[in-house]
PDB file of N, CA and C in Angstrom:
ATOM      1  N   MET A   1      22.582  18.518  22.949  1.00  0.00           N
ATOM      2  CA  MET A   1      22.354  17.165  22.473  1.00  0.00           C
ATOM      3  C   MET A   1      23.035  17.026  21.103  1.00  0.00           C
ATOM      4  N   LYS A   2      23.699  15.925  20.908  1.00  0.00           N
ATOM      5  CA  LYS A   2      24.399  15.684  19.653  1.00  0.00           C
ATOM      6  C   LYS A   2      23.400  15.464  18.517  1.00  0.00           C
ATOM      7  N   LYS A   3      23.849  15.749  17.305  1.00  0.00           N
ATOM      8  CA  LYS A   3      22.992  15.638  16.119  1.00  0.00           C
ATOM      9  C   LYS A   3      22.403  14.232  15.985  1.00  0.00           C
ATOM     10  N   ARG A   4      23.193  13.228  16.241  1.00  0.00           N
ATOM     11  CA  ARG A   4      22.735  11.838  16.134  1.00  0.00           C
ATOM     12  C   ARG A   4      21.547  11.586  17.057  1.00  0.00           C
ATOM     13  N   LEU A   5      21.612  12.117  18.274  1.00  0.00           N
ATOM     14  CA  LEU A   5      20.518  11.932  19.228  1.00  0.00           C
ATOM     15  C   LEU A   5      19.304  12.782  18.867  1.00  0.00           C
ATOM     16  N   ARG A   6      19.542  14.004  18.356  1.00  0.00           N
ATOM     17  CA  ARG A   6      18.414  14.837  17.919  1.00  0.00           C
ATOM     18  C   ARG A   6      17.643  14.137  16.806  1.00  0.00           C
ATOM     19  N   LYS A   7      18.378  13.489  15.903  1.00  0.00           N
ATOM     20  CA  LYS A   7      17.721  12.766  14.811  1.00  0.00           C
ATOM     21  C   LYS A   7      16.969  11.548  15.349  1.00  0.00           C
ATOM     22  N   LYS A   8      17.595  10.814  16.235  1.00  0.00           N
ATOM     23  CA  LYS A   8      16.973   9.620  16.812  1.00  0.00           C
ATOM     24  C   LYS A   8      15.675   9.959  17.535  1.00  0.00           C
ATOM     25  N   TYR A   9      15.687  11.054  18.301  1.00  0.00           N
ATOM     26  CA  TYR A   9      14.512  11.438  19.086  1.00  0.00           C
ATOM     27  C   TYR A   9      13.604  12.432  18.372  1.00  0.00           C
ATOM     28  N   ARG A  10      13.952  12.764  17.129  1.00  0.00           N
ATOM     29  CA  ARG A  10      13.144  13.659  16.296  1.00  0.00           C
ATOM     30  C   ARG A  10      12.857  14.990  16.986  1.00  0.00           C
ATOM     31  N   VAL A  11      13.909  15.646  17.392  1.00  0.00           N
ATOM     32  CA  VAL A  11      13.799  16.966  18.016  1.00  0.00           C
ATOM     33  C   VAL A  11      14.700  17.940  17.255  1.00  0.00           C
ATOM     34  N   GLY A  12      14.569  19.225  17.587  1.00  0.00           N
ATOM     35  CA  GLY A  12      15.386  20.234  16.916  1.00  0.00           C
ATOM     36  C   GLY A  12      15.077  20.289  15.437  1.00  0.00           C
ATOM     37  N   GLU A  13      16.116  20.269  14.608  1.00  0.00           N
ATOM     38  CA  GLU A  13      15.912  20.347  13.158  1.00  0.00           C
ATOM     39  C   GLU A  13      15.262  19.096  12.581  1.00  0.00           C
ATOM     40  N   PHE A  14      15.120  18.032  13.370  1.00  0.00           N
ATOM     41  CA  PHE A  14      14.500  16.790  12.919  1.00  0.00           C
ATOM     42  C   PHE A  14      13.059  16.632  13.424  1.00  0.00           C
ATOM     43  N   LYS A  15      12.542  17.665  14.056  1.00  0.00           N
ATOM     44  CA  LYS A  15      11.173  17.640  14.577  1.00  0.00           C
ATOM     45  C   LYS A  15      10.188  17.474  13.420  1.00  0.00           C
ATOM     46  N   GLU A  16       9.256  16.548  13.571  1.00  0.00           N
ATOM     47  CA  GLU A  16       8.254  16.279  12.546  1.00  0.00           C
ATOM     48  C   GLU A  16       6.918  16.856  12.991  1.00  0.00           C
ATOM     49  N   LEU A  17       6.290  17.621  12.103  1.00  0.00           N
ATOM     50  CA  LEU A  17       5.017  18.257  12.417  1.00  0.00           C
ATOM     51  C   LEU A  17       3.880  17.614  11.642  1.00  0.00           C
ATOM     52  N   CYS A  18       2.696  17.669  12.218  1.00  0.00           N
ATOM     53  CA  CYS A  18       1.495  17.170  11.562  1.00  0.00           C
ATOM     54  C   CYS A  18       0.315  18.022  12.011  1.00  0.00           C
ATOM     55  N   PHE A  19      -0.829  17.799  11.385  1.00  0.00           N
ATOM     56  CA  PHE A  19      -2.063  18.419  11.848  1.00  0.00           C
ATOM     57  C   PHE A  19      -3.193  17.430  11.636  1.00  0.00           C
ATOM     58  N   GLU A  20      -4.185  17.547  12.471  1.00  0.00           N
ATOM     59  CA  GLU A  20      -5.294  16.594  12.494  1.00  0.00           C
ATOM     60  C   GLU A  20      -6.584  17.340  12.199  1.00  0.00           C
ATOM     61  N   PHE A  21      -7.464  16.701  11.439  1.00  0.00           N
ATOM     62  CA  PHE A  21      -8.754  17.315  11.154  1.00  0.00           C
ATOM     63  C   PHE A  21      -9.796  16.236  10.923  1.00  0.00           C
ATOM     64  N   SER A  22     -11.046  16.624  11.040  1.00  0.00           N
ATOM     65  CA  SER A  22     -12.140  15.687  10.785  1.00  0.00           C
ATOM     66  C   SER A  22     -13.284  16.432  10.118  1.00  0.00           C
ATOM     67  N   PHE A  23     -14.032  15.689   9.334  1.00  0.00           N
ATOM     68  CA  PHE A  23     -15.184  16.266   8.653  1.00  0.00           C
ATOM     69  C   PHE A  23     -16.242  15.200   8.441  1.00  0.00           C
ATOM     70  N   ASP A  24     -17.467  15.652   8.244  1.00  0.00           N
ATOM     71  CA  ASP A  24     -18.603  14.783   7.954  1.00  0.00           C
ATOM     72  C   ASP A  24     -19.075  15.051   6.540  1.00  0.00           C
ATOM     73  N   TYR A  25     -19.626  14.026   5.912  1.00  0.00           N
ATOM     74  CA  TYR A  25     -20.290  14.217   4.631  1.00  0.00           C
ATOM     75  C   TYR A  25     -21.662  14.812   4.903  1.00  0.00           C
ATOM     76  N   LYS A  26     -22.096  15.735   4.067  1.00  0.00           N
ATOM     77  CA  LYS A  26     -23.429  16.319   4.224  1.00  0.00           C
ATOM     78  C   LYS A  26     -24.434  15.430   3.504  1.00  0.00           C
ATOM     79  N   GLY A  27     -25.518  15.097   4.206  1.00  0.00           N
ATOM     80  CA  GLY A  27     -26.568  14.279   3.603  1.00  0.00           C
ATOM     81  C   GLY A  27     -26.123  12.849   3.394  1.00  0.00           C
ATOM     82  N   ASP A  28     -26.936  12.113   2.661  1.00  0.00           N
ATOM     83  CA  ASP A  28     -26.620  10.725   2.340  1.00  0.00           C
ATOM     84  C   ASP A  28     -25.689  10.693   1.136  1.00  0.00           C
ATOM     85  N   VAL A  29     -24.582  10.031   1.296  1.00  0.00           N
ATOM     86  CA  VAL A  29     -23.596   9.957   0.226  1.00  0.00           C
ATOM     87  C   VAL A  29     -23.501   8.508  -0.230  1.00  0.00           C
ATOM     88  N   ALA A  30     -23.757   8.285  -1.516  1.00  0.00           N
ATOM     89  CA  ALA A  30     -23.647   6.943  -2.081  1.00  0.00           C
ATOM     90  C   ALA A  30     -22.167   6.629  -2.323  1.00  0.00           C
ATOM     91  N   ALA A  31     -21.881   5.354  -2.465  1.00  0.00           N
ATOM     92  CA  ALA A  31     -20.494   4.911  -2.643  1.00  0.00           C
ATOM     93  C   ALA A  31     -19.779   5.594  -3.813  1.00  0.00           C
ATOM     94  N   PRO A  32     -20.413   5.729  -4.986  1.00  0.00           N
ATOM     95  CA  PRO A  32     -19.690   6.389  -6.092  1.00  0.00           C
ATOM     96  C   PRO A  32     -19.313   7.843  -5.789  1.00  0.00           C
ATOM     97  N   GLU A  33     -20.228   8.597  -5.153  1.00  0.00           N
ATOM     98  CA  GLU A  33     -19.915   9.990  -4.814  1.00  0.00           C
ATOM     99  C   GLU A  33     -18.809  10.058  -3.765  1.00  0.00           C
ATOM    100  N   CYS A  34     -18.848   9.153  -2.813  1.00  0.00           N
ATOM    101  CA  CYS A  34     -17.815   9.111  -1.773  1.00  0.00           C
ATOM    102  C   CYS A  34     -16.456   8.815  -2.403  1.00  0.00           C
ATOM    103  N   GLU A  35     -16.424   7.877  -3.313  1.00  0.00           N
ATOM    104  CA  GLU A  35     -15.172   7.527  -3.981  1.00  0.00           C
ATOM    105  C   GLU A  35     -14.652   8.698  -4.819  1.00  0.00           C
ATOM    106  N   GLN A  36     -15.553   9.389  -5.526  1.00  0.00           N
ATOM    107  CA  GLN A  36     -15.147  10.560  -6.315  1.00  0.00           C
ATOM    108  C   GLN A  36     -14.582  11.647  -5.409  1.00  0.00           C
ATOM    109  N   PHE A  37     -15.256  11.877  -4.284  1.00  0.00           N
ATOM    110  CA  PHE A  37     -14.770  12.887  -3.348  1.00  0.00           C
ATOM    111  C   PHE A  37     -13.384  12.521  -2.833  1.00  0.00           C
ATOM    112  N   LEU A  38     -13.191  11.270  -2.437  1.00  0.00           N
ATOM    113  CA  LEU A  38     -11.898  10.851  -1.887  1.00  0.00           C
ATOM    114  C   LEU A  38     -10.775  10.966  -2.918  1.00  0.00           C
ATOM    115  N   HIS A  39     -11.067  10.629  -4.179  1.00  0.00           N
ATOM    116  CA  HIS A  39     -10.055  10.803  -5.230  1.00  0.00           C
ATOM    117  C   HIS A  39      -9.693  12.277  -5.385  1.00  0.00           C
ATOM    118  N   ALA A  40     -10.703  13.145  -5.409  1.00  0.00           N
ATOM    119  CA  ALA A  40     -10.450  14.589  -5.522  1.00  0.00           C
ATOM    120  C   ALA A  40      -9.681  15.088  -4.304  1.00  0.00           C
ATOM    121  N   PHE A  41     -10.065  14.623  -3.125  1.00  0.00           N
ATOM    122  CA  PHE A  41      -9.397  15.032  -1.889  1.00  0.00           C
ATOM    123  C   PHE A  41      -7.916  14.678  -1.929  1.00  0.00           C
ATOM    124  N   VAL A  42      -7.611  13.455  -2.296  1.00  0.00           N
ATOM    125  CA  VAL A  42      -6.214  13.014  -2.323  1.00  0.00           C
ATOM    126  C   VAL A  42      -5.426  13.753  -3.409  1.00  0.00           C
ATOM    127  N   GLU A  43      -5.986  13.839  -4.622  1.00  0.00           N
ATOM    128  CA  GLU A  43      -5.246  14.449  -5.730  1.00  0.00           C
ATOM    129  C   GLU A  43      -5.151  15.968  -5.619  1.00  0.00           C
ATOM    130  N   GLU A  44      -6.283  16.634  -5.376  1.00  0.00           N
ATOM    131  CA  GLU A  44      -6.331  18.097  -5.418  1.00  0.00           C
ATOM    132  C   GLU A  44      -5.886  18.757  -4.115  1.00  0.00           C
ATOM    133  N   CYS A  45      -6.079  18.069  -3.020  1.00  0.00           N
ATOM    134  CA  CYS A  45      -5.819  18.684  -1.722  1.00  0.00           C
ATOM    135  C   CYS A  45      -4.539  18.151  -1.075  1.00  0.00           C
ATOM    136  N   ILE A  46      -4.418  16.867  -0.961  1.00  0.00           N
ATOM    137  CA  ILE A  46      -3.278  16.270  -0.255  1.00  0.00           C
ATOM    138  C   ILE A  46      -2.021  16.251  -1.129  1.00  0.00           C
ATOM    139  N   GLU A  47      -2.063  15.541  -2.244  1.00  0.00           N
ATOM    140  CA  GLU A  47      -0.872  15.416  -3.093  1.00  0.00           C
ATOM    141  C   GLU A  47      -0.460  16.747  -3.708  1.00  0.00           C
ATOM    142  N   ALA A  48      -1.422  17.582  -4.080  1.00  0.00           N
ATOM    143  CA  ALA A  48      -1.110  18.880  -4.695  1.00  0.00           C
ATOM    144  C   ALA A  48      -0.356  19.798  -3.735  1.00  0.00           C
ATOM    145  N   ASN A  49      -0.507  19.569  -2.445  1.00  0.00           N
ATOM    146  CA  ASN A  49       0.174  20.386  -1.440  1.00  0.00           C
ATOM    147  C   ASN A  49       1.387  19.685  -0.835  1.00  0.00           C
ATOM    148  N   GLY A  50       1.825  18.596  -1.454  1.00  0.00           N
ATOM    149  CA  GLY A  50       3.026  17.907  -0.979  1.00  0.00           C
ATOM    150  C   GLY A  50       2.844  17.214   0.355  1.00  0.00           C
ATOM    151  N   LEU A  51       1.644  16.681   0.597  1.00  0.00           N
ATOM    152  CA  LEU A  51       1.333  16.053   1.877  1.00  0.00           C
ATOM    153  C   LEU A  51       1.087  14.563   1.734  1.00  0.00           C
ATOM    154  N   ASP A  52       1.212  13.866   2.835  1.00  0.00           N
ATOM    155  CA  ASP A  52       0.764  12.488   3.010  1.00  0.00           C
ATOM    156  C   ASP A  52      -0.318  12.527   4.065  1.00  0.00           C
ATOM    157  N   CYS A  53      -1.195  11.531   4.051  1.00  0.00           N
ATOM    158  CA  CYS A  53      -2.212  11.498   5.100  1.00  0.00           C
ATOM    159  C   CYS A  53      -2.547  10.058   5.453  1.00  0.00           C
ATOM    160  N   GLU A  54      -3.114   9.912   6.616  1.00  0.00           N
ATOM    161  CA  GLU A  54      -3.635   8.626   7.072  1.00  0.00           C
ATOM    162  C   GLU A  54      -4.814   8.931   7.966  1.00  0.00           C
ATOM    163  N   GLY A  55      -5.658   7.967   8.134  1.00  0.00           N
ATOM    164  CA  GLY A  55      -6.793   8.235   8.998  1.00  0.00           C
ATOM    165  C   GLY A  55      -7.852   7.164   8.928  1.00  0.00           C
ATOM    166  N   ASN A  56      -9.010   7.535   9.422  1.00  0.00           N
ATOM    167  CA  ASN A  56     -10.148   6.642   9.516  1.00  0.00           C
ATOM    168  C   ASN A  56     -11.284   7.222   8.683  1.00  0.00           C
ATOM    169  N   ILE A  57     -11.751   6.459   7.708  1.00  0.00           N
ATOM    170  CA  ILE A  57     -12.835   6.908   6.842  1.00  0.00           C
ATOM    171  C   ILE A  57     -14.001   5.950   7.014  1.00  0.00           C
ATOM    172  N   THR A  58     -15.161   6.502   7.378  1.00  0.00           N
ATOM    173  CA  THR A  58     -16.368   5.695   7.518  1.00  0.00           C
ATOM    174  C   THR A  58     -17.387   6.158   6.480  1.00  0.00           C
ATOM    175  N   ASP A  59     -18.589   5.596   6.551  1.00  0.00           N
ATOM    176  CA  ASP A  59     -19.633   5.957   5.595  1.00  0.00           C
ATOM    177  C   ASP A  59     -20.065   7.408   5.701  1.00  0.00           C
ATOM    178  N   ASP A  60     -19.900   8.021   6.874  1.00  0.00           N
ATOM    179  CA  ASP A  60     -20.403   9.389   7.025  1.00  0.00           C
ATOM    180  C   ASP A  60     -19.384  10.394   7.543  1.00  0.00           C
ATOM    181  N   SER A  61     -18.164   9.966   7.874  1.00  0.00           N
ATOM    182  CA  SER A  61     -17.181  10.929   8.382  1.00  0.00           C
ATOM    183  C   SER A  61     -15.752  10.467   8.115  1.00  0.00           C
ATOM    184  N   CYS A  62     -14.820  11.405   8.278  1.00  0.00           N
ATOM    185  CA  CYS A  62     -13.389  11.127   8.105  1.00  0.00           C
ATOM    186  C   CYS A  62     -12.606  11.799   9.216  1.00  0.00           C
ATOM    187  N   ASN A  63     -11.636  11.103   9.752  1.00  0.00           N
ATOM    188  CA  ASN A  63     -10.677  11.649  10.716  1.00  0.00           C
ATOM    189  C   ASN A  63      -9.297  11.439  10.110  1.00  0.00           C
ATOM    190  N   ILE A  64      -8.592  12.528   9.852  1.00  0.00           N
ATOM    191  CA  ILE A  64      -7.357  12.470   9.081  1.00  0.00           C
ATOM    192  C   ILE A  64      -6.210  13.135   9.840  1.00  0.00           C
ATOM    193  N   ILE A  65      -5.015  12.556   9.700  1.00  0.00           N
ATOM    194  CA  ILE A  65      -3.772  13.176  10.151  1.00  0.00           C
ATOM    195  C   ILE A  65      -2.938  13.398   8.895  1.00  0.00           C
ATOM    196  N   ALA A  66      -2.463  14.618   8.706  1.00  0.00           N
ATOM    197  CA  ALA A  66      -1.679  14.942   7.514  1.00  0.00           C
ATOM    198  C   ALA A  66      -0.328  15.513   7.916  1.00  0.00           C
ATOM    199  N   LYS A  67       0.673  15.214   7.090  1.00  0.00           N
ATOM    200  CA  LYS A  67       2.008  15.775   7.275  1.00  0.00           C
ATOM    201  C   LYS A  67       2.671  15.846   5.913  1.00  0.00           C
ATOM    202  N   ALA A  68       3.690  16.657   5.800  1.00  0.00           N
ATOM    203  CA  ALA A  68       4.408  16.795   4.532  1.00  0.00           C
ATOM    204  C   ALA A  68       5.121  15.494   4.191  1.00  0.00           C
ATOM    205  N   VAL A  69       5.379  15.300   2.902  1.00  0.00           N
ATOM    206  CA  VAL A  69       6.121  14.121   2.467  1.00  0.00           C
ATOM    207  C   VAL A  69       7.438  14.044   3.242  1.00  0.00           C
ATOM    208  N   ASP A  70       8.090  15.185   3.422  1.00  0.00           N
ATOM    209  CA  ASP A  70       9.227  15.294   4.344  1.00  0.00           C
ATOM    210  C   ASP A  70       8.657  15.927   5.611  1.00  0.00           C
ATOM    211  N   PRO A  71       8.358  15.132   6.647  1.00  0.00           N
ATOM    212  CA  PRO A  71       7.645  15.642   7.822  1.00  0.00           C
ATOM    213  C   PRO A  71       8.313  16.807   8.535  1.00  0.00           C
ATOM    214  N   THR A  72       9.611  17.011   8.316  1.00  0.00           N
ATOM    215  CA  THR A  72      10.266  18.158   8.949  1.00  0.00           C
ATOM    216  C   THR A  72       9.931  19.456   8.220  1.00  0.00           C
ATOM    217  N   GLN A  73       9.240  19.366   7.093  1.00  0.00           N
ATOM    218  CA  GLN A  73       8.927  20.540   6.276  1.00  0.00           C
ATOM    219  C   GLN A  73       7.440  20.902   6.285  1.00  0.00           C
ATOM    220  N   THR A  74       6.629  20.295   7.124  1.00  0.00           N
ATOM    221  CA  THR A  74       5.203  20.615   7.182  1.00  0.00           C
ATOM    222  C   THR A  74       5.040  22.078   7.581  1.00  0.00           C
ATOM    223  N   SER A  75       4.210  22.812   6.826  1.00  0.00           N
ATOM    224  CA  SER A  75       4.106  24.253   7.058  1.00  0.00           C
ATOM    225  C   SER A  75       2.666  24.690   7.337  1.00  0.00           C
ATOM    226  N   GLU A  76       2.566  25.880   7.880  1.00  0.00           N
ATOM    227  CA  GLU A  76       1.262  26.494   8.128  1.00  0.00           C
ATOM    228  C   GLU A  76       0.539  26.745   6.808  1.00  0.00           C
ATOM    229  N   ALA A  77       1.266  27.052   5.746  1.00  0.00           N
ATOM    230  CA  ALA A  77       0.653  27.280   4.432  1.00  0.00           C
ATOM    231  C   ALA A  77      -0.025  26.008   3.925  1.00  0.00           C
ATOM    232  N   GLN A  78       0.597  24.855   4.138  1.00  0.00           N
ATOM    233  CA  GLN A  78      -0.018  23.590   3.735  1.00  0.00           C
ATOM    234  C   GLN A  78      -1.280  23.331   4.547  1.00  0.00           C
ATOM    235  N   ARG A  79      -1.217  23.594   5.834  1.00  0.00           N
ATOM    236  CA  ARG A  79      -2.381  23.403   6.699  1.00  0.00           C
ATOM    237  C   ARG A  79      -3.527  24.299   6.248  1.00  0.00           C
ATOM    238  N   GLN A  80      -3.239  25.551   5.961  1.00  0.00           N
ATOM    239  CA  GLN A  80      -4.274  26.488   5.519  1.00  0.00           C
ATOM    240  C   GLN A  80      -4.841  26.094   4.155  1.00  0.00           C
ATOM    241  N   ALA A  81      -4.014  25.559   3.266  1.00  0.00           N
ATOM    242  CA  ALA A  81      -4.485  25.129   1.949  1.00  0.00           C
ATOM    243  C   ALA A  81      -5.498  23.995   2.082  1.00  0.00           C
ATOM    244  N   VAL A  82      -5.228  23.052   2.964  1.00  0.00           N
ATOM    245  CA  VAL A  82      -6.164  21.944   3.188  1.00  0.00           C
ATOM    246  C   VAL A  82      -7.463  22.472   3.789  1.00  0.00           C
ATOM    247  N   LYS A  83      -7.355  23.333   4.767  1.00  0.00           N
ATOM    248  CA  LYS A  83      -8.545  23.899   5.408  1.00  0.00           C
ATOM    249  C   LYS A  83      -9.391  24.667   4.394  1.00  0.00           C
ATOM    250  N   SER A  84      -8.766  25.483   3.578  1.00  0.00           N
ATOM    251  CA  SER A  84      -9.490  26.256   2.562  1.00  0.00           C
ATOM    252  C   SER A  84     -10.171  25.342   1.553  1.00  0.00           C
ATOM    253  N   TRP A  85      -9.487  24.284   1.136  1.00  0.00           N
ATOM    254  CA  TRP A  85     -10.057  23.353   0.166  1.00  0.00           C
ATOM    255  C   TRP A  85     -11.306  22.694   0.743  1.00  0.00           C
ATOM    256  N   LEU A  86     -11.236  22.257   1.988  1.00  0.00           N
ATOM    257  CA  LEU A  86     -12.392  21.608   2.611  1.00  0.00           C
ATOM    258  C   LEU A  86     -13.532  22.594   2.837  1.00  0.00           C
ATOM    259  N   GLU A  87     -13.221  23.823   3.246  1.00  0.00           N
ATOM    260  CA  GLU A  87     -14.264  24.824   3.479  1.00  0.00           C
ATOM    261  C   GLU A  87     -14.962  25.221   2.184  1.00  0.00           C
ATOM    262  N   ALA A  88     -14.270  25.116   1.061  1.00  0.00           N
ATOM    263  CA  ALA A  88     -14.861  25.469  -0.231  1.00  0.00           C
ATOM    264  C   ALA A  88     -15.802  24.386  -0.754  1.00  0.00           C
ATOM    265  N   ARG A  89     -15.724  23.208  -0.191  1.00  0.00           N
ATOM    266  CA  ARG A  89     -16.578  22.099  -0.644  1.00  0.00           C
ATOM    267  C   ARG A  89     -17.958  22.204  -0.016  1.00  0.00           C
ATOM    268  N   SER A  90     -18.980  22.026  -0.833  1.00  0.00           N
ATOM    269  CA  SER A  90     -20.348  22.090  -0.313  1.00  0.00           C
ATOM    270  C   SER A  90     -20.829  20.730   0.179  1.00  0.00           C
ATOM    271  N   ASP A  91     -20.087  19.664  -0.128  1.00  0.00           N
ATOM    272  CA  ASP A  91     -20.533  18.321   0.232  1.00  0.00           C
ATOM    273  C   ASP A  91     -19.958  17.806   1.549  1.00  0.00           C
ATOM    274  N   VAL A  92     -19.145  18.616   2.230  1.00  0.00           N
ATOM    275  CA  VAL A  92     -18.607  18.206   3.528  1.00  0.00           C
ATOM    276  C   VAL A  92     -18.755  19.328   4.546  1.00  0.00           C
ATOM    277  N   GLU A  93     -18.797  18.930   5.805  1.00  0.00           N
ATOM    278  CA  GLU A  93     -18.861  19.880   6.917  1.00  0.00           C
ATOM    279  C   GLU A  93     -17.660  19.624   7.817  1.00  0.00           C
ATOM    280  N   LEU A  94     -16.828  20.629   7.968  1.00  0.00           N
ATOM    281  CA  LEU A  94     -15.627  20.521   8.785  1.00  0.00           C
ATOM    282  C   LEU A  94     -16.017  20.470  10.259  1.00  0.00           C
ATOM    283  N   LYS A  95     -15.624  19.399  10.968  1.00  0.00           N
ATOM    284  CA  LYS A  95     -15.932  19.277  12.400  1.00  0.00           C
ATOM    285  C   LYS A  95     -14.836  19.887  13.254  1.00  0.00           C
ATOM    286  N   SER A  96     -13.602  19.556  12.952  1.00  0.00           N
ATOM    287  CA  SER A  96     -12.480  20.102  13.722  1.00  0.00           C
ATOM    288  C   SER A  96     -11.269  20.216  12.814  1.00  0.00           C
ATOM    289  N   PHE A  97     -10.407  21.160  13.155  1.00  0.00           N
ATOM    290  CA  PHE A  97      -9.195  21.361  12.367  1.00  0.00           C
ATOM    291  C   PHE A  97      -8.109  21.853  13.308  1.00  0.00           C
ATOM    292  N   GLY A  98      -7.151  20.990  13.592  1.00  0.00           N
ATOM    293  CA  GLY A  98      -6.128  21.294  14.584  1.00  0.00           C
ATOM    294  C   GLY A  98      -4.974  22.122  14.053  1.00  0.00           C
ATOM    295  N   GLU A  99      -4.199  22.618  14.983  1.00  0.00           N
ATOM    296  CA  GLU A  99      -2.991  23.387  14.680  1.00  0.00           C
ATOM    297  C   GLU A  99      -1.845  22.426  14.359  1.00  0.00           C
ATOM    298  N   LEU A 100      -0.761  22.970  13.827  1.00  0.00           N
ATOM    299  CA  LEU A 100       0.446  22.162  13.648  1.00  0.00           C
ATOM    300  C   LEU A 100       0.931  21.712  15.018  1.00  0.00           C
ATOM    301  N   GLN A 101       1.326  20.455  15.107  1.00  0.00           N
ATOM    302  CA  GLN A 101       1.834  19.938  16.369  1.00  0.00           C
ATOM    303  C   GLN A 101       2.906  18.895  16.111  1.00  0.00           C
ATOM    304  N   ASP A 102       3.663  18.593  17.127  1.00  0.00           N
ATOM    305  CA  ASP A 102       4.730  17.611  17.035  1.00  0.00           C
ATOM    306  C   ASP A 102       4.120  16.235  16.787  1.00  0.00           C
ATOM    307  N   ALA A 103       4.560  15.575  15.725  1.00  0.00           N
ATOM    308  CA  ALA A 103       3.991  14.281  15.345  1.00  0.00           C
ATOM    309  C   ALA A 103       4.395  13.150  16.287  1.00  0.00           C
ATOM    310  N   TRP A 104       5.483  13.321  17.028  1.00  0.00           N
ATOM    311  CA  TRP A 104       5.963  12.257  17.900  1.00  0.00           C
ATOM    312  C   TRP A 104       5.644  12.480  19.365  1.00  0.00           C
ATOM    313  N   TYR A 105       5.532  13.728  19.779  1.00  0.00           N
ATOM    314  CA  TYR A 105       5.367  14.010  21.196  1.00  0.00           C
ATOM    315  C   TYR A 105       4.082  14.759  21.501  1.00  0.00           C
ATOM    316  N   ALA A 106       3.091  14.625  20.640  1.00  0.00           N
ATOM    317  CA  ALA A 106       1.767  15.205  20.871  1.00  0.00           C
ATOM    318  C   ALA A 106       0.748  14.111  20.591  1.00  0.00           C
ATOM    319  N   SER A 107      -0.513  14.443  20.640  1.00  0.00           N
ATOM    320  CA  SER A 107      -1.563  13.441  20.442  1.00  0.00           C
ATOM    321  C   SER A 107      -1.812  13.141  18.977  1.00  0.00           C
ATOM    322  N   CYS A 108      -1.105  13.767  18.076  1.00  0.00           N
ATOM    323  CA  CYS A 108      -1.301  13.616  16.641  1.00  0.00           C
ATOM    324  C   CYS A 108      -0.947  12.208  16.179  1.00  0.00           C
TER     325      CYS A 108
END
């Protein structure tokens, strides 16, 4: 396949990887604590590891998809850093944490 088509279809060296995870807040979390947690999560966990994320955040849980700022560079080290950061927190319970997968041709 020609380079132009590999880029168009995001395969080969243009393959974009992501990982999906979800967690619940432990106990009742008031709005200020939730906001503080989310700021820490974005600054200390996501941005500090060169990632972008999107997802669904409710009053008691979060479902997130994360990928590197350059999605072709998402690494296992970044995935492990996020997992370790969440596991170290006493205010959240990790529900699921997926493997790296193709962002375009998987369920991510």
